[in-house]
Amino acid sequence: MSRIGKQPVKISNDVKVLINGNNVDVEGPKGKVSQVFHPDIKVEYNQQDKLIIVKRSSDEKFHRALHGLTRSIISNMVIGVTKGFSKHLEINGLGYTAKIQGKDLVLSLGYTHMVSLEIPKGIKIEITNPANPVKFTVSGPDKQLVGQFAAEIRGKKPPEPYKGMGIKYENEVIRRKAGKAFTSSAT
């Protein structure tokens, strides 16, 4: 069996689980997450022990891979509705800023126009220091949605290797390149 797939997912008391065929709904203090899984994978919820058990239909390579994947996704759903997920981003560059206007994240990234991104439902954006809006956090209960939206934001102006200007993750290391080297021609 899959080492990850055979491990049951423990559910805390403040989390509600509803399994309807291939659809799994998990609701907790941070929000609600829903996911539809492959029909060959069976998901069972034991209410007495507060455990979710994932079973596969055969030992084929495809089903073994789905087994561990399904268990990991369900585990992330439970963690997301109890603790939540977040990505920390920072903007480097002169005059580069971020602000929230209604349901949009508006970025000033050195272009002739402001870049506006609609914030998806279930995602929360927090600007760390409103006086200096260059660091912000993308958070929510759905790990995939948080990561996808953070990647979309970063994709609007990835950090460049010469001056490091652009949007980067907080702990991301940018490999810097040396600029042009000028030589003196002594004749």
N, C-alpha and C. Protein backbone atom coordinates (compact mmCIF):
# COMPACT_ATOMS: atom_id res chain seq x y z
N MET A 1 0.83 -1.19 0.00
CA MET A 1 0.00 0.00 0.00
C MET A 1 0.87 1.25 0.00
N SER A 2 0.24 2.34 -0.36
CA SER A 2 0.90 3.63 -0.33
C SER A 2 1.17 4.02 1.12
N ARG A 3 2.37 4.48 1.40
CA ARG A 3 2.71 4.85 2.77
C ARG A 3 1.89 6.05 3.23
N ILE A 4 1.64 6.97 2.33
CA ILE A 4 0.85 8.14 2.68
C ILE A 4 -0.63 7.80 2.64
N GLY A 5 -1.05 7.10 1.60
CA GLY A 5 -2.47 6.81 1.41
C GLY A 5 -3.08 5.96 2.50
N LYS A 6 -2.30 5.08 3.12
CA LYS A 6 -2.88 4.19 4.13
C LYS A 6 -3.04 4.87 5.49
N GLN A 7 -2.43 6.04 5.68
CA GLN A 7 -2.57 6.75 6.95
C GLN A 7 -3.94 7.43 7.01
N PRO A 8 -4.68 7.25 8.09
CA PRO A 8 -5.97 7.94 8.20
C PRO A 8 -5.76 9.43 8.50
N VAL A 9 -6.74 10.24 8.11
CA VAL A 9 -6.69 11.68 8.38
C VAL A 9 -7.50 11.94 9.65
N LYS A 10 -6.87 12.50 10.67
CA LYS A 10 -7.55 12.79 11.94
C LYS A 10 -8.33 14.09 11.80
N ILE A 11 -9.55 14.09 12.33
CA ILE A 11 -10.43 15.24 12.27
C ILE A 11 -10.61 15.79 13.68
N SER A 12 -10.47 17.10 13.85
CA SER A 12 -10.69 17.71 15.17
C SER A 12 -12.18 17.91 15.40
N ASN A 13 -12.55 18.26 16.63
CA ASN A 13 -13.96 18.37 17.01
C ASN A 13 -14.68 19.52 16.33
N ASP A 14 -13.97 20.59 15.96
CA ASP A 14 -14.62 21.75 15.36
C ASP A 14 -14.73 21.68 13.84
N VAL A 15 -14.44 20.51 13.26
CA VAL A 15 -14.51 20.33 11.81
C VAL A 15 -15.66 19.40 11.46
N LYS A 16 -16.45 19.80 10.45
CA LYS A 16 -17.56 18.97 9.96
C LYS A 16 -17.18 18.40 8.60
N VAL A 17 -17.42 17.10 8.41
CA VAL A 17 -17.10 16.43 7.16
C VAL A 17 -18.39 15.84 6.58
N LEU A 18 -18.59 16.08 5.28
CA LEU A 18 -19.74 15.52 4.57
C LEU A 18 -19.23 14.85 3.31
N ILE A 19 -19.46 13.53 3.18
CA ILE A 19 -19.03 12.79 2.00
C ILE A 19 -20.27 12.35 1.24
N ASN A 20 -20.35 12.75 -0.03
CA ASN A 20 -21.47 12.42 -0.89
C ASN A 20 -20.92 11.83 -2.19
N GLY A 21 -20.76 10.51 -2.24
CA GLY A 21 -20.18 9.87 -3.42
C GLY A 21 -18.70 10.21 -3.54
N ASN A 22 -18.33 10.92 -4.63
CA ASN A 22 -16.94 11.33 -4.84
C ASN A 22 -16.66 12.72 -4.30
N ASN A 23 -17.70 13.41 -3.82
CA ASN A 23 -17.56 14.78 -3.35
C ASN A 23 -17.31 14.80 -1.84
N VAL A 24 -16.26 15.51 -1.42
CA VAL A 24 -15.93 15.63 0.00
C VAL A 24 -16.00 17.11 0.36
N ASP A 25 -16.83 17.45 1.36
CA ASP A 25 -16.95 18.81 1.87
C ASP A 25 -16.39 18.83 3.29
N VAL A 26 -15.50 19.78 3.57
CA VAL A 26 -14.93 19.95 4.90
C VAL A 26 -15.18 21.39 5.32
N GLU A 27 -15.78 21.56 6.51
CA GLU A 27 -16.10 22.89 7.01
C GLU A 27 -15.54 23.06 8.41
N GLY A 28 -14.90 24.21 8.64
CA GLY A 28 -14.31 24.48 9.94
C GLY A 28 -14.33 25.95 10.26
N PRO A 29 -13.59 26.37 11.29
CA PRO A 29 -13.62 27.78 11.70
C PRO A 29 -13.07 28.75 10.66
N LYS A 30 -12.15 28.33 9.79
CA LYS A 30 -11.56 29.23 8.79
C LYS A 30 -12.35 29.28 7.48
N GLY A 31 -13.29 28.36 7.29
CA GLY A 31 -14.06 28.38 6.05
C GLY A 31 -14.50 26.99 5.63
N LYS A 32 -14.92 26.89 4.37
CA LYS A 32 -15.41 25.63 3.82
C LYS A 32 -14.67 25.33 2.52
N VAL A 33 -14.27 24.04 2.36
CA VAL A 33 -13.56 23.60 1.15
C VAL A 33 -14.26 22.35 0.63
N SER A 34 -14.43 22.30 -0.69
CA SER A 34 -15.09 21.15 -1.32
C SER A 34 -14.22 20.64 -2.45
N GLN A 35 -14.20 19.32 -2.64
CA GLN A 35 -13.37 18.72 -3.69
C GLN A 35 -14.05 17.46 -4.21
N VAL A 36 -13.98 17.25 -5.53
CA VAL A 36 -14.50 16.04 -6.15
C VAL A 36 -13.30 15.17 -6.51
N PHE A 37 -13.35 13.88 -6.11
CA PHE A 37 -12.24 12.96 -6.34
C PHE A 37 -12.58 11.93 -7.40
N HIS A 38 -11.58 11.22 -7.85
CA HIS A 38 -11.72 10.19 -8.89
C HIS A 38 -12.66 9.08 -8.40
N PRO A 39 -13.53 8.54 -9.26
CA PRO A 39 -14.49 7.52 -8.81
C PRO A 39 -13.86 6.19 -8.38
N ASP A 40 -12.61 5.92 -8.80
CA ASP A 40 -11.96 4.66 -8.40
C ASP A 40 -11.42 4.71 -6.97
N ILE A 41 -11.39 5.87 -6.37
CA ILE A 41 -10.90 6.02 -5.00
C ILE A 41 -12.10 6.18 -4.08
N LYS A 42 -12.13 5.40 -3.01
CA LYS A 42 -13.25 5.43 -2.07
C LYS A 42 -12.82 6.14 -0.79
N VAL A 43 -13.61 7.13 -0.40
CA VAL A 43 -13.33 7.90 0.81
C VAL A 43 -14.40 7.59 1.85
N GLU A 44 -13.98 7.16 3.05
CA GLU A 44 -14.92 6.81 4.11
C GLU A 44 -14.63 7.67 5.34
N TYR A 45 -15.70 8.04 6.04
CA TYR A 45 -15.57 8.84 7.26
C TYR A 45 -16.10 8.05 8.45
N ASN A 46 -15.25 7.78 9.43
CA ASN A 46 -15.62 7.09 10.64
C ASN A 46 -15.90 8.15 11.71
N GLN A 47 -17.19 8.36 12.03
CA GLN A 47 -17.56 9.43 12.94
C GLN A 47 -17.18 9.15 14.39
N GLN A 48 -17.16 7.87 14.78
CA GLN A 48 -16.80 7.54 16.17
C GLN A 48 -15.35 7.89 16.45
N ASP A 49 -14.44 7.46 15.57
CA ASP A 49 -13.01 7.70 15.77
C ASP A 49 -12.55 9.04 15.22
N LYS A 50 -13.43 9.75 14.50
CA LYS A 50 -13.11 11.02 13.85
C LYS A 50 -11.92 10.84 12.89
N LEU A 51 -12.04 9.86 11.98
CA LEU A 51 -10.99 9.57 11.01
C LEU A 51 -11.57 9.48 9.61
N ILE A 52 -10.81 9.96 8.62
CA ILE A 52 -11.16 9.76 7.21
C ILE A 52 -10.17 8.74 6.66
N ILE A 53 -10.72 7.69 6.04
CA ILE A 53 -9.90 6.61 5.49
C ILE A 53 -10.08 6.60 3.97
N VAL A 54 -8.96 6.52 3.24
CA VAL A 54 -8.99 6.52 1.77
C VAL A 54 -8.60 5.12 1.31
N LYS A 55 -9.42 4.53 0.41
CA LYS A 55 -9.16 3.19 -0.13
C LYS A 55 -9.15 3.25 -1.65
N ARG A 56 -8.34 2.37 -2.25
CA ARG A 56 -8.26 2.33 -3.71
C ARG A 56 -8.86 1.02 -4.22
N SER A 57 -9.20 0.99 -5.53
CA SER A 57 -9.88 -0.17 -6.09
C SER A 57 -8.92 -1.27 -6.54
N SER A 58 -7.68 -0.92 -6.91
CA SER A 58 -6.73 -1.95 -7.36
C SER A 58 -5.30 -1.51 -7.05
N ASP A 59 -4.34 -2.38 -7.40
CA ASP A 59 -2.93 -2.08 -7.15
C ASP A 59 -2.22 -1.57 -8.39
N GLU A 60 -2.96 -1.07 -9.38
CA GLU A 60 -2.33 -0.51 -10.57
C GLU A 60 -1.56 0.75 -10.17
N LYS A 61 -0.56 1.09 -10.99
CA LYS A 61 0.28 2.24 -10.70
C LYS A 61 -0.55 3.53 -10.61
N PHE A 62 -1.51 3.70 -11.50
CA PHE A 62 -2.37 4.88 -11.51
C PHE A 62 -3.17 5.00 -10.22
N HIS A 63 -3.74 3.88 -9.76
CA HIS A 63 -4.54 3.90 -8.54
C HIS A 63 -3.67 4.10 -7.30
N ARG A 64 -2.46 3.57 -7.31
CA ARG A 64 -1.54 3.80 -6.19
C ARG A 64 -1.19 5.28 -6.07
N ALA A 65 -0.96 5.91 -7.22
CA ALA A 65 -0.64 7.34 -7.21
C ALA A 65 -1.83 8.17 -6.73
N LEU A 66 -3.03 7.82 -7.21
CA LEU A 66 -4.24 8.53 -6.80
C LEU A 66 -4.52 8.36 -5.30
N HIS A 67 -4.17 7.20 -4.77
CA HIS A 67 -4.42 6.89 -3.36
C HIS A 67 -3.71 7.90 -2.46
N GLY A 68 -2.41 8.06 -2.64
CA GLY A 68 -1.64 9.00 -1.83
C GLY A 68 -2.03 10.45 -2.09
N LEU A 69 -2.30 10.78 -3.36
CA LEU A 69 -2.70 12.14 -3.72
C LEU A 69 -4.01 12.52 -3.04
N THR A 70 -4.99 11.63 -3.09
CA THR A 70 -6.30 11.90 -2.50
C THR A 70 -6.17 12.11 -1.00
N ARG A 71 -5.40 11.28 -0.33
CA ARG A 71 -5.21 11.41 1.12
C ARG A 71 -4.52 12.73 1.45
N SER A 72 -3.53 13.14 0.66
CA SER A 72 -2.83 14.40 0.89
C SER A 72 -3.74 15.60 0.70
N ILE A 73 -4.58 15.55 -0.33
CA ILE A 73 -5.51 16.65 -0.59
C ILE A 73 -6.51 16.77 0.56
N ILE A 74 -7.04 15.64 1.03
CA ILE A 74 -7.99 15.67 2.14
C ILE A 74 -7.32 16.20 3.41
N SER A 75 -6.08 15.80 3.65
CA SER A 75 -5.33 16.30 4.81
C SER A 75 -5.15 17.82 4.71
N ASN A 76 -4.83 18.31 3.51
CA ASN A 76 -4.67 19.76 3.31
C ASN A 76 -6.00 20.49 3.48
N MET A 77 -7.10 19.84 3.11
CA MET A 77 -8.41 20.46 3.30
C MET A 77 -8.69 20.65 4.79
N VAL A 78 -8.38 19.62 5.59
CA VAL A 78 -8.62 19.69 7.04
C VAL A 78 -7.72 20.74 7.68
N ILE A 79 -6.44 20.78 7.29
CA ILE A 79 -5.52 21.78 7.83
C ILE A 79 -5.97 23.18 7.42
N GLY A 80 -6.45 23.32 6.19
CA GLY A 80 -6.89 24.63 5.68
C GLY A 80 -8.06 25.21 6.44
N VAL A 81 -9.04 24.37 6.79
CA VAL A 81 -10.22 24.90 7.49
C VAL A 81 -9.97 25.09 8.99
N THR A 82 -8.87 24.52 9.52
CA THR A 82 -8.56 24.72 10.94
C THR A 82 -7.49 25.81 11.12
N LYS A 83 -6.38 25.73 10.41
CA LYS A 83 -5.28 26.68 10.56
C LYS A 83 -5.22 27.68 9.42
N GLY A 84 -5.52 27.24 8.20
CA GLY A 84 -5.42 28.11 7.03
C GLY A 84 -4.03 28.06 6.41
N PHE A 85 -3.93 28.55 5.18
CA PHE A 85 -2.66 28.61 4.46
C PHE A 85 -2.39 30.05 4.09
N SER A 86 -1.11 30.41 3.98
CA SER A 86 -0.78 31.78 3.57
C SER A 86 0.53 31.79 2.80
N LYS A 87 0.64 32.79 1.93
CA LYS A 87 1.87 33.05 1.17
C LYS A 87 2.20 34.51 1.39
N HIS A 88 3.44 34.78 1.73
CA HIS A 88 3.90 36.15 1.97
C HIS A 88 4.67 36.61 0.74
N LEU A 89 4.28 37.77 0.20
CA LEU A 89 4.93 38.33 -0.98
C LEU A 89 5.47 39.71 -0.65
N GLU A 90 6.51 40.11 -1.37
CA GLU A 90 7.02 41.47 -1.21
C GLU A 90 7.38 42.03 -2.58
N ILE A 91 7.20 43.35 -2.70
CA ILE A 91 7.46 44.04 -3.96
C ILE A 91 8.74 44.84 -3.79
N ASN A 92 9.68 44.67 -4.71
CA ASN A 92 10.93 45.43 -4.69
C ASN A 92 10.97 46.32 -5.92
N GLY A 93 11.21 47.59 -5.72
CA GLY A 93 11.32 48.53 -6.83
C GLY A 93 10.86 49.91 -6.39
N LEU A 94 11.43 50.92 -6.96
CA LEU A 94 11.12 52.29 -6.61
C LEU A 94 9.71 52.65 -7.06
N GLY A 95 8.85 53.00 -6.13
CA GLY A 95 7.48 53.38 -6.45
C GLY A 95 6.53 52.22 -6.64
N TYR A 96 7.00 50.99 -6.45
CA TYR A 96 6.13 49.82 -6.60
C TYR A 96 5.31 49.67 -5.32
N THR A 97 3.99 49.58 -5.44
CA THR A 97 3.12 49.46 -4.28
C THR A 97 1.96 48.52 -4.56
N ALA A 98 1.25 48.16 -3.49
CA ALA A 98 0.04 47.34 -3.59
C ALA A 98 -1.03 47.98 -2.71
N LYS A 99 -2.28 47.97 -3.19
CA LYS A 99 -3.39 48.46 -2.37
C LYS A 99 -4.65 47.70 -2.74
N ILE A 100 -5.59 47.70 -1.82
CA ILE A 100 -6.85 47.00 -2.03
C ILE A 100 -7.93 48.05 -2.29
N GLN A 101 -8.62 47.91 -3.42
CA GLN A 101 -9.73 48.80 -3.76
C GLN A 101 -10.96 47.94 -3.99
N GLY A 102 -11.85 47.91 -3.00
CA GLY A 102 -13.06 47.10 -3.10
C GLY A 102 -12.71 45.62 -3.10
N LYS A 103 -13.03 44.94 -4.20
CA LYS A 103 -12.73 43.51 -4.34
C LYS A 103 -11.53 43.25 -5.23
N ASP A 104 -10.73 44.29 -5.47
CA ASP A 104 -9.57 44.17 -6.36
C ASP A 104 -8.28 44.48 -5.63
N LEU A 105 -7.20 43.82 -6.05
CA LEU A 105 -5.86 44.14 -5.61
C LEU A 105 -5.24 44.96 -6.72
N VAL A 106 -4.84 46.18 -6.42
CA VAL A 106 -4.29 47.09 -7.43
C VAL A 106 -2.80 47.23 -7.16
N LEU A 107 -1.99 46.92 -8.19
CA LEU A 107 -0.54 46.95 -8.07
C LEU A 107 0.04 48.03 -8.97
N SER A 108 0.97 48.78 -8.44
CA SER A 108 1.72 49.75 -9.22
C SER A 108 3.11 49.13 -9.42
N LEU A 109 3.41 48.73 -10.66
CA LEU A 109 4.63 47.94 -10.91
C LEU A 109 5.56 48.58 -11.93
N GLY A 110 5.47 49.89 -12.10
CA GLY A 110 6.37 50.55 -13.03
C GLY A 110 5.87 50.57 -14.46
N TYR A 111 4.68 50.04 -14.70
CA TYR A 111 4.08 50.12 -16.03
C TYR A 111 3.38 51.48 -16.17
N THR A 112 2.90 51.80 -17.36
CA THR A 112 2.19 53.05 -17.57
C THR A 112 0.80 53.02 -16.95
N HIS A 113 0.34 51.84 -16.57
CA HIS A 113 -1.00 51.68 -16.01
C HIS A 113 -0.91 50.84 -14.72
N MET A 114 -1.93 50.92 -13.91
CA MET A 114 -2.02 50.09 -12.70
C MET A 114 -2.49 48.69 -13.11
N VAL A 115 -1.98 47.68 -12.44
CA VAL A 115 -2.40 46.30 -12.70
C VAL A 115 -3.45 45.94 -11.65
N SER A 116 -4.64 45.54 -12.10
CA SER A 116 -5.74 45.23 -11.20
C SER A 116 -6.07 43.75 -11.29
N LEU A 117 -6.14 43.08 -10.15
CA LEU A 117 -6.49 41.66 -10.08
C LEU A 117 -7.70 41.49 -9.16
N GLU A 118 -8.71 40.78 -9.65
CA GLU A 118 -9.87 40.52 -8.81
C GLU A 118 -9.52 39.44 -7.79
N ILE A 119 -9.80 39.72 -6.52
CA ILE A 119 -9.49 38.77 -5.44
C ILE A 119 -10.55 37.67 -5.46
N PRO A 120 -10.13 36.38 -5.62
CA PRO A 120 -11.11 35.28 -5.66
C PRO A 120 -11.86 35.13 -4.34
N LYS A 121 -13.04 34.55 -4.42
CA LYS A 121 -13.84 34.30 -3.22
C LYS A 121 -13.11 33.30 -2.34
N GLY A 122 -13.02 33.58 -1.06
CA GLY A 122 -12.33 32.70 -0.12
C GLY A 122 -10.89 33.09 0.12
N ILE A 123 -10.37 34.08 -0.60
CA ILE A 123 -9.00 34.53 -0.44
C ILE A 123 -9.01 35.88 0.28
N LYS A 124 -8.08 36.04 1.22
CA LYS A 124 -7.96 37.29 1.96
C LYS A 124 -6.58 37.87 1.73
N ILE A 125 -6.52 39.17 1.42
CA ILE A 125 -5.24 39.86 1.21
C ILE A 125 -5.05 40.83 2.38
N GLU A 126 -3.88 40.76 3.01
CA GLU A 126 -3.55 41.68 4.09
C GLU A 126 -2.26 42.40 3.75
N ILE A 127 -2.30 43.72 3.77
CA ILE A 127 -1.09 44.52 3.56
C ILE A 127 -0.46 44.72 4.93
N THR A 128 0.80 44.30 5.08
CA THR A 128 1.48 44.28 6.38
C THR A 128 1.59 45.68 6.99
N ASN A 129 2.08 46.64 6.22
CA ASN A 129 2.27 48.00 6.71
C ASN A 129 1.62 48.96 5.72
N PRO A 130 0.43 49.48 6.04
CA PRO A 130 -0.25 50.37 5.09
C PRO A 130 0.55 51.63 4.73
N ALA A 131 1.42 52.10 5.62
CA ALA A 131 2.24 53.27 5.32
C ALA A 131 3.30 52.95 4.26
N ASN A 132 3.78 51.71 4.24
CA ASN A 132 4.78 51.28 3.26
C ASN A 132 4.28 49.99 2.62
N PRO A 133 3.36 50.08 1.64
CA PRO A 133 2.66 48.89 1.14
C PRO A 133 3.47 48.05 0.15
N VAL A 134 4.57 47.47 0.60
CA VAL A 134 5.36 46.61 -0.28
C VAL A 134 5.34 45.16 0.16
N LYS A 135 4.84 44.87 1.35
CA LYS A 135 4.73 43.48 1.82
C LYS A 135 3.26 43.18 2.07
N PHE A 136 2.81 42.02 1.56
CA PHE A 136 1.43 41.62 1.79
C PHE A 136 1.33 40.11 1.85
N THR A 137 0.19 39.65 2.40
CA THR A 137 -0.03 38.23 2.62
C THR A 137 -1.30 37.79 1.90
N VAL A 138 -1.22 36.67 1.20
CA VAL A 138 -2.37 36.03 0.57
C VAL A 138 -2.71 34.83 1.44
N SER A 139 -3.95 34.78 1.98
CA SER A 139 -4.30 33.68 2.87
C SER A 139 -5.71 33.18 2.58
N GLY A 140 -5.97 31.93 3.00
CA GLY A 140 -7.28 31.32 2.81
C GLY A 140 -7.25 29.85 3.21
N PRO A 141 -8.41 29.18 3.19
CA PRO A 141 -8.46 27.77 3.61
C PRO A 141 -8.06 26.77 2.51
N ASP A 142 -8.08 27.19 1.25
CA ASP A 142 -7.80 26.28 0.12
C ASP A 142 -6.35 26.46 -0.32
N LYS A 143 -5.51 25.46 -0.08
CA LYS A 143 -4.08 25.55 -0.39
C LYS A 143 -3.82 25.80 -1.87
N GLN A 144 -4.56 25.11 -2.73
CA GLN A 144 -4.38 25.27 -4.17
C GLN A 144 -4.74 26.67 -4.62
N LEU A 145 -5.83 27.21 -4.12
CA LEU A 145 -6.29 28.54 -4.53
C LEU A 145 -5.35 29.63 -4.03
N VAL A 146 -4.83 29.49 -2.81
CA VAL A 146 -3.87 30.46 -2.27
C VAL A 146 -2.60 30.46 -3.10
N GLY A 147 -2.07 29.27 -3.39
CA GLY A 147 -0.85 29.17 -4.19
C GLY A 147 -1.04 29.69 -5.61
N GLN A 148 -2.19 29.38 -6.22
CA GLN A 148 -2.47 29.82 -7.59
C GLN A 148 -2.57 31.34 -7.67
N PHE A 149 -3.28 31.96 -6.72
CA PHE A 149 -3.45 33.42 -6.76
C PHE A 149 -2.12 34.12 -6.47
N ALA A 150 -1.33 33.58 -5.54
CA ALA A 150 0.00 34.16 -5.25
C ALA A 150 0.90 34.07 -6.48
N ALA A 151 0.81 32.96 -7.22
CA ALA A 151 1.61 32.80 -8.44
C ALA A 151 1.15 33.77 -9.54
N GLU A 152 -0.17 34.02 -9.61
CA GLU A 152 -0.68 34.99 -10.59
C GLU A 152 -0.18 36.39 -10.27
N ILE A 153 -0.16 36.74 -8.98
CA ILE A 153 0.34 38.05 -8.58
C ILE A 153 1.81 38.17 -8.94
N ARG A 154 2.60 37.15 -8.60
CA ARG A 154 4.03 37.16 -8.88
C ARG A 154 4.29 37.23 -10.38
N GLY A 155 3.43 36.58 -11.17
CA GLY A 155 3.60 36.55 -12.62
C GLY A 155 3.41 37.89 -13.29
N LYS A 156 2.79 38.85 -12.62
CA LYS A 156 2.59 40.18 -13.22
C LYS A 156 3.90 40.94 -13.35
N LYS A 157 4.87 40.67 -12.48
CA LYS A 157 6.19 41.30 -12.57
C LYS A 157 7.19 40.43 -11.80
N PRO A 158 7.67 39.32 -12.42
CA PRO A 158 8.64 38.46 -11.72
C PRO A 158 9.94 39.23 -11.44
N PRO A 159 10.67 38.87 -10.40
CA PRO A 159 11.91 39.59 -10.10
C PRO A 159 12.96 39.38 -11.18
N GLU A 160 13.60 40.47 -11.57
CA GLU A 160 14.63 40.34 -12.61
C GLU A 160 16.00 40.20 -11.94
N PRO A 161 16.96 39.56 -12.61
CA PRO A 161 18.22 39.19 -11.95
C PRO A 161 19.24 40.31 -11.78
N TYR A 162 19.07 41.47 -12.42
CA TYR A 162 20.10 42.50 -12.34
C TYR A 162 19.92 43.42 -11.13
N LYS A 163 18.72 43.93 -10.93
CA LYS A 163 18.47 44.81 -9.78
C LYS A 163 17.54 44.17 -8.76
N GLY A 164 16.92 43.05 -9.11
CA GLY A 164 16.02 42.35 -8.19
C GLY A 164 14.65 42.99 -8.10
N MET A 165 14.29 43.84 -9.05
CA MET A 165 13.00 44.53 -9.01
C MET A 165 11.90 43.59 -9.48
N GLY A 166 10.75 43.65 -8.79
CA GLY A 166 9.61 42.81 -9.14
C GLY A 166 8.95 42.26 -7.88
N ILE A 167 8.04 41.31 -8.07
CA ILE A 167 7.33 40.69 -6.95
C ILE A 167 7.96 39.34 -6.66
N LYS A 168 8.29 39.09 -5.40
CA LYS A 168 8.88 37.81 -5.04
C LYS A 168 8.25 37.29 -3.75
N TYR A 169 8.38 35.98 -3.53
CA TYR A 169 7.95 35.40 -2.26
C TYR A 169 8.91 35.87 -1.18
N GLU A 170 8.45 35.88 0.06
CA GLU A 170 9.23 36.45 1.15
C GLU A 170 10.60 35.78 1.31
N ASN A 171 10.67 34.46 1.26
CA ASN A 171 11.93 33.76 1.48
C ASN A 171 12.61 33.34 0.18
N GLU A 172 12.13 33.82 -0.94
CA GLU A 172 12.70 33.45 -2.23
C GLU A 172 14.07 34.11 -2.42
N VAL A 173 15.02 33.34 -2.91
CA VAL A 173 16.35 33.86 -3.17
C VAL A 173 16.47 34.08 -4.68
N ILE A 174 16.82 35.29 -5.05
CA ILE A 174 16.97 35.63 -6.47
C ILE A 174 18.44 35.56 -6.82
N ARG A 175 18.77 34.77 -7.83
CA ARG A 175 20.16 34.70 -8.28
C ARG A 175 20.47 35.96 -9.04
N ARG A 176 21.38 36.73 -8.51
CA ARG A 176 21.71 38.02 -9.11
C ARG A 176 22.83 37.87 -10.12
N LYS A 177 22.77 38.71 -11.16
CA LYS A 177 23.81 38.73 -12.19
C LYS A 177 24.56 40.05 -12.09
N ALA A 178 25.81 40.02 -12.49
CA ALA A 178 26.60 41.25 -12.53
C ALA A 178 26.19 42.03 -13.77
N GLY A 179 26.24 43.33 -13.67
CA GLY A 179 25.91 44.18 -14.81
C GLY A 179 27.08 44.21 -15.79
N LYS A 180 26.99 45.12 -16.76
CA LYS A 180 28.07 45.23 -17.73
C LYS A 180 29.34 45.71 -17.07
N ALA A 181 30.45 45.12 -17.44
CA ALA A 181 31.74 45.52 -16.90
C ALA A 181 32.42 46.44 -17.92
N PHE A 182 32.81 47.61 -17.45
CA PHE A 182 33.49 48.55 -18.34
C PHE A 182 35.00 48.39 -18.14
N THR A 183 35.72 48.30 -19.24
CA THR A 183 37.17 48.17 -19.15
C THR A 183 37.81 49.48 -19.61
N SER A 184 38.88 49.79 -18.98
CA SER A 184 39.58 51.00 -19.40
C SER A 184 40.57 50.61 -20.46
N SER A 185 40.57 51.34 -21.54
CA SER A 185 41.49 51.02 -22.64
C SER A 185 42.71 51.91 -22.50
N ALA A 186 43.74 51.35 -21.94
CA ALA A 186 45.00 52.09 -21.74
C ALA A 186 45.88 51.87 -22.96
N THR A 187 46.10 52.91 -23.71
CA THR A 187 46.97 52.78 -24.92
C THR A 187 48.20 53.62 -24.83
